[in-house]
Amino acid sequence: MTDEDTTDAGASPTGSRSGVAEYLNMGTSIALGVALGLVFGTVLGQLTWGLILGAAFGVVLGALVQARRRLR
């Protein structure tokens, strides 16, 4: 094993973890949006539109959170 192999093996995968965390946050916001859309769609009698609009709201909310996080 060379010195290059040991440095690569000992490197922490922080870049991949932050990427996974971003997807989890985005997925969470989409899921919460769909859940809210499901509730409102059921109440209003338009389940399909509730799911579509809820997912769209979740995507926009997740994108805004990610953009704000990157500005810090």
Protein backbone atom coordinates (compact mmCIF):
# COMPACT_ATOMS: atom_id res chain seq x y z
CA MET A 1 0.00 0.00 0.00
CA THR A 2 1.46 3.37 -0.96
CA ASP A 3 1.11 6.70 0.82
CA GLU A 4 -1.49 7.79 -1.73
CA ASP A 5 -3.64 4.75 -0.98
CA THR A 6 -3.59 5.40 2.74
CA THR A 7 -4.58 9.05 2.36
CA ASP A 8 -7.50 8.15 0.11
CA ALA A 9 -8.64 5.38 2.43
CA GLY A 10 -8.48 7.63 5.49
CA ALA A 11 -10.34 10.51 3.88
CA SER A 12 -13.74 11.21 5.31
CA PRO A 13 -16.63 11.22 2.84
CA THR A 14 -18.01 14.56 4.03
CA GLY A 15 -18.78 15.65 0.48
CA SER A 16 -21.04 12.68 -0.11
CA ARG A 17 -22.74 13.05 3.26
CA SER A 18 -23.65 16.68 2.61
CA GLY A 19 -25.03 15.66 -0.79
CA VAL A 20 -27.18 12.99 0.80
CA ALA A 21 -28.38 15.43 3.45
CA GLU A 22 -29.44 17.87 0.72
CA TYR A 23 -31.48 15.18 -1.01
CA LEU A 24 -33.03 14.09 2.27
CA ASN A 25 -34.07 17.65 3.04
CA MET A 26 -35.49 18.07 -0.45
CA GLY A 27 -37.28 14.73 -0.21
CA THR A 28 -38.66 15.62 3.19
CA SER A 29 -40.07 18.90 1.94
CA ILE A 30 -41.67 17.14 -1.06
CA ALA A 31 -43.19 14.49 1.22
CA LEU A 32 -44.57 17.11 3.60
CA GLY A 33 -45.98 19.07 0.66
CA VAL A 34 -47.66 15.95 -0.71
CA ALA A 35 -49.07 15.13 2.72
CA LEU A 36 -50.54 18.62 3.07
CA GLY A 37 -51.84 18.44 -0.49
CA LEU A 38 -53.44 15.09 0.29
CA VAL A 39 -55.27 16.57 3.27
CA PHE A 40 -56.41 19.71 1.45
CA GLY A 41 -57.28 17.76 -1.69
CA THR A 42 -59.44 15.40 0.31
CA VAL A 43 -61.21 18.26 2.06
CA LEU A 44 -61.83 20.12 -1.20
CA GLY A 45 -62.78 17.00 -3.18
CA GLN A 46 -59.88 17.38 -5.65
CA LEU A 47 -57.39 14.74 -4.53
CA THR A 48 -55.31 14.71 -7.72
CA TRP A 49 -54.86 18.48 -7.82
CA GLY A 50 -54.08 18.51 -4.12
CA LEU A 51 -51.27 16.01 -4.61
CA ILE A 52 -49.88 17.86 -7.63
CA LEU A 53 -49.95 21.26 -5.97
CA GLY A 54 -48.62 19.87 -2.69
CA ALA A 55 -45.65 18.25 -4.43
CA ALA A 56 -44.97 21.46 -6.37
CA PHE A 57 -45.08 23.45 -3.14
CA GLY A 58 -42.65 20.97 -1.53
CA VAL A 59 -40.21 21.27 -4.42
CA VAL A 60 -40.25 25.06 -4.29
CA LEU A 61 -39.90 25.09 -0.51
CA GLY A 62 -36.99 22.62 -0.66
CA ALA A 63 -35.24 24.65 -3.36
CA LEU A 64 -35.60 27.84 -1.32
CA VAL A 65 -34.18 26.17 1.78
CA GLN A 66 -31.22 24.81 -0.20
CA ALA A 67 -30.54 28.17 -1.84
CA ARG A 68 -30.62 29.94 1.50
CA ARG A 69 -28.32 27.34 3.04
CA ARG A 70 -25.75 27.83 0.27
CA LEU A 71 -25.74 31.61 0.73
CA ARG A 72 -24.49 31.27 4.29
